[in-house]
Every structure is written in C-alpha cells, then in structure tokens.
C-alpha cells in the first residue's frame, strides 16, 4: 500500500508499506478513503514531539471502509463505512469508564498521561496513522462508528478530531450566557471553538491570530470579532481595553506548541527544543482572562517543561482546564448540531490533496501558502 512516511524533520514522502495485519481478535483493518493534515501534525513534521521515529506514518483524522475484522469484533463489519476518533482506547479501564478516552490506561506503555493517538509518535503509543491506504484500528468494537447515511464524508473527517476538539475547548470553558470568550488561534480548532462558543451561550466571541486570511475566516465562518496581534504593541493590553479593563470571562488556547508572538520563546521551543512548546498563547491567555476566569487549553504541547506563568494563574484565582479531546463523547451532540444546520464542518476545508502529493501538502500547510486553513488527504480508495 501507499503511505506517508516520516524521514526526519521537514522530510516526509510516500512509500510502499505492507498492508497492516490483524494483530488481535478485536482489531479491524480500515481502507482509508479520506483523511486530513492537522495543525498538530506539523509539530511532528517540525521535530517538536519526542520519540517521533523514522518510518512512522502520521494521520489521526481519517474515515474509510472496513476491509477486515478480527474474530471477536461485533460492532462493525466488512464493508461498513466508518469514522475513527483519533483516540486509541480500550473502553473499559478506570479512565475510559469515566469518559476520559484520551487518557486510556491500557493503550500506551510509553506514558502515564496521554493515552494512544493514531500517527502521533511513540510518545502517544506508536500507532501508525491514516495518511495511508490502509490502517490498523485496535479495539474496533469501541472506537470506530458507522458513518450515518445523512452525514457527508468530508464532514465525517472533521468529526474525527478538529470539530470535537474545538467544541471540547469551548465546553472546558464552562461558558455561561453572556460570557465574553477570547480564542487564541484561528486555525481549524480555533475556528470550531469560536463557533461552538456561540452554541454555549457566549455573548461576545473574539479571535486572535496574525494571519489575515485566517482572521477573515473567523469573521465569516465563526461570526467573531478579530484582532491581529501583530498590529498591537501588546495584545493583552488591547484585550483588557476591549473588556472594560477586567479581562475576558473565558480564554481558549487553540494554538499550542508553536505559537508566534515572542521571538525568544519561539526560538527556544521550536528551534532549540528546550521547551515542550512555546507558551506564548497560554501566557497571553493567563494574562488576558479576568480574575476568577477560566482558561481552556486544547492546543497541543509536548511533555517536557514549558515556561508557563503559573504564579499569575494562581494569584488571579483562575480555573485551568485542559486535555486531549475524548472525541466520541462529543459526537451525539455534534450530530444534532449538524443535522439542525448549526454546524457544517467541511466549510473550513480549503484544499484536497492526493495522498501521493502529501509532501507538498505538508510544505504548503507548514509555510501557510495559498491561504490554506484545512487540507484533506484523498487516497482515491472507496
């Protein structure tokens, strides 16, 4: 089969790999029809995530058709069209039983924090991902779900990570009616977080970024106020002015490890790998939320040290909430929002890239060329 293969920072290519085999009775092999490149895939591409091994296939957002199932699989059958959440999880451990699928205790021998994630380094379990023609899906009775007949395939792809993660970011904010919500980052997750904030009762939604085309999308798709932080000497001071010098009620960090805005922080994290991620957006969130407010973090950070302003968070009495999204927990409500016309996930898709051109897709996404916001990866399989 053809698969995207990592060959080192900024080096990916398509190679021939063996079609994965059933390794456990509850495995399934899925024939991928469409996937996506996620902003957090760029952390891997840039060499930010520890233990990203040469030869790995990325891709944690994908849908496809069940090609083969193990002997104990009961909930999906060969030929079913399925959507697969990015979490690899067992469904029965202490954490899964509490809905914390992203913290499953049985799927990642390499960490005590995060569970398993498809295509996201051996730090997250070492599972090959879906930027390939076929992918092995463990715990097939738990993770994948049949795609509803009414749901379009491109919308289903966005439901495997980006939309649930953005929705989860707003959910973690505990938004109450009339709240002012600030979202740092106008990538796919930030756009969905901003849109979801309205659904949860926000009275005002503000999105911060430095790329004008993404801010334009935040205005047209999420109906948010926008500010380009590059145009202000101190974006935190500006946000304070915009909120009666109190600060926002809720701030969502949808940026994560490669935030721009402070040269020293960016270089020490992105270039020298001295931090688990540039904490610029998170520190701005801590500074721009009001005292007693809530900071929600769904941007991805590496597991090592980051220079976060924790003392300020403590002294302001902030609530900090964060996690990798437990994707499947969000699906029932999101299905209803989509069916009712409140959300159309594929509205943020800007590019559709054939699998054989994925190296160009990564370069384009990394360099922010051609006003790219969300690239899908099309395998040509069905």
Protein backbone atom coordinates (compact mmCIF):
# COMPACT_ATOMS: atom_id res chain seq x y z
CA UNK A 1 0.00 0.00 0.00
CA UNK A 2 1.00 3.64 -0.38
CA UNK A 3 1.60 5.51 2.87
CA UNK A 4 3.07 8.78 4.06
CA UNK A 5 6.37 8.05 5.84
CA UNK A 6 8.35 10.32 8.17
CA UNK A 7 12.06 10.62 7.30
CA UNK A 8 13.07 13.34 9.76
CA UNK A 9 12.10 16.95 10.48
CA UNK A 10 10.58 18.61 7.40
CA UNK A 11 11.03 15.36 5.43
CA UNK A 12 8.03 13.21 4.55
CA UNK A 13 7.34 11.16 1.45
CA UNK A 14 5.04 8.50 0.09
CA UNK A 15 6.43 4.96 0.15
CA UNK A 16 5.19 1.41 -0.26
CA UNK A 17 4.49 -0.33 3.05
CA UNK A 18 2.91 -3.67 3.87
CA UNK A 19 -0.83 -3.59 4.40
CA UNK A 20 -1.29 -3.88 8.19
CA UNK A 21 -2.46 -7.22 9.56
CA UNK A 22 -4.89 -8.22 12.28
CA UNK A 23 -2.79 -8.49 15.46
CA UNK A 24 -5.56 -9.05 17.99
CA UNK A 25 -9.07 -10.55 17.71
CA UNK A 26 -10.61 -7.11 18.31
CA UNK A 27 -8.66 -5.35 15.54
CA UNK A 28 -10.05 -4.07 12.27
CA UNK A 29 -8.24 -3.05 9.11
CA UNK A 30 -9.77 0.07 7.56
CA UNK A 31 -9.33 1.00 3.92
CA UNK A 32 -8.92 4.77 4.10
CA UNK A 33 -10.93 6.95 1.73
CA UNK A 34 -10.11 10.38 3.17
CA UNK A 35 -8.04 11.89 5.93
CA UNK A 36 -6.55 15.24 6.83
CA UNK A 37 -3.39 17.02 7.87
CA UNK A 38 -3.88 18.52 11.32
CA UNK A 39 -2.09 21.52 12.76
CA UNK A 40 -0.72 19.23 15.45
CA UNK A 41 0.78 17.02 12.69
CA UNK A 42 3.01 20.00 11.97
CA UNK A 43 4.50 19.65 15.48
CA UNK A 44 5.67 16.19 14.38
CA UNK A 45 6.77 17.45 10.96
CA UNK A 46 8.86 20.15 12.62
CA UNK A 47 10.51 17.71 15.03
CA UNK A 48 8.75 19.07 18.14
CA UNK A 49 7.37 15.81 19.56
CA UNK A 50 9.78 13.44 21.35
CA UNK A 51 10.24 9.90 20.01
CA UNK A 52 8.87 10.53 16.54
CA UNK A 53 10.59 7.68 14.76
CA UNK A 54 11.75 7.48 11.15
CA UNK A 55 9.40 5.26 9.19
CA UNK A 56 6.23 6.24 11.06
CA UNK A 57 3.01 7.08 9.22
CA UNK A 58 1.17 10.14 10.53
CA UNK A 59 -2.53 10.92 10.40
CA UNK A 60 -5.08 10.88 13.22
CA UNK A 61 -8.07 12.16 11.22
CA UNK A 62 -9.47 9.61 8.78
CA UNK A 63 -12.53 7.77 7.55
CA UNK A 64 -12.88 4.72 5.35
CA UNK A 65 -14.38 1.29 4.79
CA UNK A 66 -13.84 -1.76 6.99
CA UNK A 67 -11.61 -4.11 5.00
CA UNK A 68 -11.09 -6.91 7.54
CA UNK A 69 -12.11 -7.63 11.13
CA UNK A 70 -10.73 -9.79 13.90
CA UNK A 71 -12.61 -12.81 15.19
CA UNK A 72 -14.15 -11.06 18.22
CA UNK A 73 -15.33 -7.86 16.51
CA UNK A 74 -19.10 -7.49 16.70
CA UNK A 75 -19.99 -3.82 16.21
CA UNK A 76 -18.58 -3.24 12.72
CA UNK A 77 -18.46 -5.50 9.68
CA UNK A 78 -16.52 -5.72 6.44
CA UNK A 79 -17.89 -3.11 4.06
CA UNK A 80 -19.11 -0.66 6.72
CA UNK A 81 -18.20 3.00 6.16
CA UNK A 82 -16.66 4.18 9.42
CA UNK A 83 -15.28 7.28 11.09
CA UNK A 84 -12.45 6.70 13.54
CA UNK A 85 -11.79 9.04 16.51
CA UNK A 86 -8.15 9.98 16.93
CA UNK A 87 -8.10 8.38 20.39
CA UNK A 88 -6.98 4.77 20.64
CA UNK A 89 -8.71 3.49 23.77
CA UNK A 90 -9.89 0.26 25.37
CA UNK A 91 -13.30 1.43 26.62
CA UNK A 92 -13.15 -0.48 29.90
CA UNK A 93 -10.30 0.84 32.10
CA UNK A 94 -10.70 3.20 35.08
CA UNK A 95 -10.38 6.26 32.83
CA UNK A 96 -12.43 5.06 29.87
CA UNK A 97 -15.28 4.14 32.22
CA UNK A 98 -15.34 7.83 33.21
CA UNK A 99 -15.39 9.06 29.62
CA UNK A 100 -11.70 10.02 29.64
CA UNK A 101 -10.96 8.13 26.43
CA UNK A 102 -7.91 10.27 25.70
CA UNK A 103 -6.34 9.07 28.97
CA UNK A 104 -6.89 5.34 28.49
CA UNK A 105 -4.66 3.30 30.80
CA UNK A 106 -4.20 0.27 28.56
CA UNK A 107 -3.04 1.55 25.17
CA UNK A 108 0.18 3.48 25.73
CA UNK A 109 3.10 1.85 27.54
CA UNK A 110 5.26 4.91 26.92
CA UNK A 111 3.40 7.45 29.04
CA UNK A 112 1.38 7.83 32.21
CA UNK A 113 -0.52 10.90 30.97
CA UNK A 114 -1.82 10.64 27.43
CA UNK A 115 -3.46 7.52 26.02
CA UNK A 116 -2.98 6.35 22.44
CA UNK A 117 -3.24 8.54 19.34
CA UNK A 118 -3.03 7.35 15.76
CA UNK A 119 0.07 8.50 13.91
CA UNK A 120 1.41 10.64 16.73
CA UNK A 121 4.83 9.30 17.71
CA UNK A 122 5.77 6.61 20.18
CA UNK A 123 5.14 9.13 22.96
CA UNK A 124 1.47 8.51 22.12
CA UNK A 125 1.72 4.76 21.72
CA UNK A 126 3.47 4.27 18.37
CA UNK A 127 0.34 3.54 16.32
CA UNK A 128 0.64 4.16 12.59
CA UNK A 129 -1.91 6.65 11.32
CA UNK A 130 -4.35 7.10 8.49
CA UNK A 131 -2.32 9.04 5.91
CA UNK A 132 -2.15 5.75 4.08
CA UNK A 133 -4.35 3.45 2.03
CA UNK A 134 -4.94 1.10 4.99
CA UNK A 135 -4.68 1.45 8.77
CA UNK A 136 -4.94 -0.98 11.67
CA UNK A 137 -7.66 0.05 14.14
CA UNK A 138 -7.36 -1.63 17.57
CA UNK A 139 -10.40 -2.03 19.84
CA UNK A 140 -12.66 -1.93 16.80
CA UNK A 141 -15.76 -2.55 18.90
CA UNK A 142 -15.08 0.66 20.85
CA UNK A 143 -13.53 3.38 18.66
CA UNK A 144 -14.87 3.44 15.09
CA UNK A 145 -18.52 4.16 14.36
CA UNK A 146 -20.55 3.71 11.21
CA UNK A 147 -20.94 6.97 9.30
CA UNK A 148 -24.64 7.93 9.38
CA UNK A 149 -26.26 7.89 5.94
CA UNK A 150 -27.09 11.60 6.21
CA UNK A 151 -23.50 12.66 7.02
CA UNK A 152 -21.21 13.65 4.16
CA UNK A 153 -17.76 12.10 4.12
CA UNK A 154 -15.84 15.37 4.38
CA UNK A 155 -17.91 16.36 7.41
CA UNK A 156 -17.18 12.95 8.94
CA UNK A 157 -13.42 13.52 8.55
CA UNK A 158 -13.67 16.77 10.51
CA UNK A 159 -15.56 14.91 13.26
CA UNK A 160 -12.58 12.64 13.98
CA UNK A 161 -10.63 15.48 15.65
CA UNK A 162 -10.86 19.14 14.64
CA UNK A 163 -14.56 19.82 15.32
CA UNK A 164 -14.83 17.77 18.55
CA UNK A 165 -11.59 19.33 19.84
CA UNK A 166 -12.82 22.86 19.18
CA UNK A 167 -16.19 22.06 20.73
CA UNK A 168 -14.43 20.47 23.70
CA UNK A 169 -12.33 23.62 24.11
CA UNK A 170 -15.49 25.69 24.46
CA UNK A 171 -17.01 23.04 26.73
CA UNK A 172 -14.00 23.18 29.07
CA UNK A 173 -14.54 26.92 29.40
CA UNK A 174 -17.83 26.37 31.27
CA UNK A 175 -19.32 29.25 29.28
CA UNK A 176 -22.43 30.79 30.76
CA UNK A 177 -24.92 33.03 28.99
CA UNK A 178 -23.46 36.39 28.05
CA UNK A 179 -19.79 35.49 28.64
CA UNK A 180 -17.01 37.16 26.67
CA UNK A 181 -14.85 34.44 25.13
CA UNK A 182 -11.42 35.01 23.58
CA UNK A 183 -9.92 32.33 21.32
CA UNK A 184 -6.20 32.39 20.57
CA UNK A 185 -5.61 30.84 17.16
CA UNK A 186 -7.73 30.93 14.01
CA UNK A 187 -6.76 27.51 12.71
CA UNK A 188 -9.39 24.77 12.35
CA UNK A 189 -9.65 24.05 16.10
CA UNK A 190 -9.81 27.74 16.98
CA UNK A 191 -12.49 28.36 14.34
CA UNK A 192 -14.58 25.49 15.71
CA UNK A 193 -14.01 26.65 19.30
CA UNK A 194 -15.24 30.14 18.39
CA UNK A 195 -18.29 28.81 16.56
CA UNK A 196 -19.06 26.42 19.43
CA UNK A 197 -18.84 29.22 21.98
CA UNK A 198 -21.96 30.81 20.49
CA UNK A 199 -23.79 27.49 20.80
CA UNK A 200 -22.98 27.50 24.52
CA UNK A 201 -24.38 30.97 25.12
CA UNK A 202 -21.45 33.34 24.70
CA UNK A 203 -22.42 36.98 24.37
CA UNK A 204 -19.21 38.01 22.64
CA UNK A 205 -16.53 35.97 20.83
CA UNK A 206 -13.12 37.41 19.92
CA UNK A 207 -10.47 35.56 17.87
CA UNK A 208 -6.77 36.46 17.88
CA UNK A 209 -4.27 35.48 15.17
CA UNK A 210 -1.64 37.13 12.98
CA UNK A 211 -2.65 35.77 9.56
CA UNK A 212 -5.24 37.97 7.90
CA UNK A 213 -6.79 35.25 5.77
CA UNK A 214 -7.45 33.14 8.86
CA UNK A 215 -8.96 36.13 10.67
CA UNK A 216 -11.23 36.70 7.68
CA UNK A 217 -12.38 33.08 8.01
CA UNK A 218 -13.05 33.66 11.71
CA UNK A 219 -15.30 36.55 10.78
CA UNK A 220 -17.19 34.76 8.01
CA UNK A 221 -17.40 31.25 9.50
CA UNK A 222 -17.49 31.90 13.25
CA UNK A 223 -19.01 35.42 13.20
CA UNK A 224 -16.33 36.55 15.63
CA UNK A 225 -14.63 39.86 16.31
CA UNK A 226 -10.99 39.58 15.28
CA UNK A 227 -7.69 41.23 16.14
CA UNK A 228 -4.31 40.74 14.52
CA UNK A 229 -1.81 40.63 17.38
CA UNK A 230 0.98 41.80 15.05
CA UNK A 231 -0.78 45.18 14.80
CA UNK A 232 -0.66 45.86 18.54
CA UNK A 233 2.28 46.56 20.81
CA UNK A 234 0.71 44.36 23.50
CA UNK A 235 -2.34 42.30 22.56
CA UNK A 236 -3.10 41.63 26.25
CA UNK A 237 -3.39 45.35 26.99
CA UNK A 238 -5.66 45.75 23.97
CA UNK A 239 -7.90 42.90 25.14
CA UNK A 240 -8.12 44.47 28.57
CA UNK A 241 -9.25 47.74 26.96
CA UNK A 242 -11.85 45.81 24.98
CA UNK A 243 -13.27 44.22 28.14
CA UNK A 244 -13.64 47.22 30.44
CA UNK A 245 -10.17 46.52 31.85
CA UNK A 246 -11.47 43.36 33.53
CA UNK A 247 -10.43 40.69 31.04
CA UNK A 248 -12.43 38.01 29.25
CA UNK A 249 -14.56 35.53 31.17
CA UNK A 250 -13.15 32.58 29.23
CA UNK A 251 -9.99 32.28 27.13
CA UNK A 252 -9.30 29.28 24.90
CA UNK A 253 -5.75 28.39 23.81
CA UNK A 254 -6.21 26.70 20.43
CA UNK A 255 -2.62 27.32 19.33
CA UNK A 256 -0.31 25.10 21.35
CA UNK A 257 3.34 24.36 20.90
CA UNK A 258 4.37 26.62 18.04
CA UNK A 259 2.84 29.95 18.95
CA UNK A 260 4.37 33.05 17.41
CA UNK A 261 4.49 36.41 19.12
CA UNK A 262 7.67 36.26 21.22
CA UNK A 263 10.92 35.62 19.38
CA UNK A 264 12.86 34.20 22.33
CA UNK A 265 10.10 31.81 23.39
CA UNK A 266 9.53 30.67 19.81
CA UNK A 267 13.23 30.00 19.19
CA UNK A 268 13.87 28.17 22.47
CA UNK A 269 10.91 25.87 21.86
CA UNK A 270 10.52 25.47 18.09
CA UNK A 271 14.19 25.65 17.10
CA UNK A 272 16.29 24.53 20.08
CA UNK A 273 13.64 22.20 21.56
CA UNK A 274 14.38 23.49 25.08
CA UNK A 275 10.67 23.62 25.92
CA UNK A 276 7.70 21.35 25.32
CA UNK A 277 6.24 24.19 23.28
CA UNK A 278 6.21 27.94 23.00
CA UNK A 279 3.91 29.06 25.86
CA UNK A 280 3.14 32.46 24.32
CA UNK A 281 -0.55 31.84 23.64
CA UNK A 282 -1.04 30.18 27.03
CA UNK A 283 0.66 33.05 28.86
CA UNK A 284 -1.42 35.55 26.91
CA UNK A 285 -4.49 33.57 27.94
CA UNK A 286 -3.49 33.71 31.61
CA UNK A 287 -2.86 37.45 31.35
CA UNK A 288 -5.99 38.38 29.38
CA UNK A 289 -8.63 36.40 31.27
CA UNK A 290 -10.32 38.17 34.17
CA UNK A 291 -9.58 37.29 37.78
CA UNK A 292 -11.58 34.18 38.68
CA UNK A 293 -11.99 33.34 34.99
CA UNK A 294 -11.36 30.12 33.11
CA UNK A 295 -8.56 29.18 30.72
CA UNK A 296 -9.23 26.23 28.43
CA UNK A 297 -6.28 24.58 26.67
CA UNK A 298 -6.76 22.32 23.66
CA UNK A 299 -3.64 23.35 21.74
CA UNK A 300 -1.09 20.52 21.76
CA UNK A 301 2.11 20.76 23.81
CA UNK A 302 4.98 18.33 24.22
CA UNK A 303 5.54 16.53 27.52
CA UNK A 304 8.63 18.45 28.66
CA UNK A 305 8.96 21.78 30.53
CA UNK A 306 7.32 24.97 29.27
CA UNK A 307 7.77 28.42 30.86
CA UNK A 308 4.15 28.98 31.87
CA UNK A 309 3.17 31.89 34.15
CA UNK A 310 1.69 29.64 36.78
CA UNK A 311 2.16 32.09 39.63
CA UNK A 312 -0.03 34.64 37.86
CA UNK A 313 -2.67 31.97 37.27
CA UNK A 314 -2.66 31.09 40.96
CA UNK A 315 -2.78 34.67 42.18
CA UNK A 316 -5.65 35.52 39.80
CA UNK A 317 -7.69 32.58 41.07
CA UNK A 318 -8.01 31.06 37.61
CA UNK A 319 -9.54 27.74 36.69
CA UNK A 320 -7.29 25.93 34.18
CA UNK A 321 -8.90 23.08 32.26
CA UNK A 322 -7.24 21.04 29.55
CA UNK A 323 -6.94 17.64 27.92
CA UNK A 324 -6.76 15.84 24.64
CA UNK A 325 -10.35 15.64 23.44
CA UNK A 326 -12.30 12.44 24.18
CA UNK A 327 -13.72 12.56 20.66
CA UNK A 328 -16.52 10.02 20.73
CA UNK A 329 -18.05 11.64 23.82
CA UNK A 330 -18.79 14.73 21.72
CA UNK A 331 -20.41 13.00 18.74
CA UNK A 332 -24.08 12.74 19.86
CA UNK A 333 -24.42 16.49 20.48
CA UNK A 334 -22.39 17.40 17.38
CA UNK A 335 -24.51 15.12 15.21
CA UNK A 336 -27.57 17.06 16.34
CA UNK A 337 -25.95 20.44 15.67
CA UNK A 338 -25.01 19.32 12.16
CA UNK A 339 -28.44 17.86 11.40
CA UNK A 340 -30.07 21.05 12.65
CA UNK A 341 -27.89 23.18 10.38
CA UNK A 342 -25.93 24.95 13.11
CA UNK A 343 -22.60 23.48 12.00
CA UNK A 344 -21.20 22.48 8.62
CA UNK A 345 -17.72 21.14 9.44
CA UNK A 346 -16.42 20.98 5.87
CA UNK A 347 -16.95 24.73 5.43
CA UNK A 348 -13.39 25.22 6.70
CA UNK A 349 -11.81 22.83 4.16
CA UNK A 350 -9.64 24.77 1.72
CA UNK A 351 -7.53 22.10 -0.01
CA UNK A 352 -7.92 18.49 -1.12
CA UNK A 353 -4.55 16.85 -1.63
CA UNK A 354 -3.98 13.41 -3.21
CA UNK A 355 -2.01 11.06 -0.96
CA UNK A 356 0.82 10.86 -3.49
CA UNK A 357 1.32 14.65 -3.17
CA UNK A 358 1.28 14.73 0.63
CA UNK A 359 4.85 16.05 0.91
CA UNK A 360 3.75 19.16 -0.98
CA UNK A 361 0.68 19.33 1.25
CA UNK A 362 2.81 19.37 4.41
CA UNK A 363 5.07 22.05 2.97
CA UNK A 364 2.09 24.16 1.96
CA UNK A 365 0.44 23.82 5.36
CA UNK A 366 3.67 24.45 7.26
CA UNK A 367 4.51 27.58 5.24
CA UNK A 368 0.86 28.79 5.23
CA UNK A 369 0.78 29.06 1.44
CA UNK A 370 -2.26 29.67 -0.76
CA UNK A 371 -4.44 30.77 2.20
CA UNK A 372 -4.54 27.21 3.48
CA UNK A 373 -6.70 26.51 6.54
CA UNK A 374 -7.62 22.82 6.45
CA UNK A 375 -6.18 20.33 3.94
CA UNK A 376 -7.85 16.98 3.40
CA UNK A 377 -5.88 14.00 2.12
CA UNK A 378 -7.63 11.93 -0.53
CA UNK A 379 -6.41 8.36 -1.05
CA UNK A 380 -8.63 7.52 -4.02
CA UNK A 381 -9.89 4.45 -2.20
CA UNK A 382 -13.58 3.80 -1.58
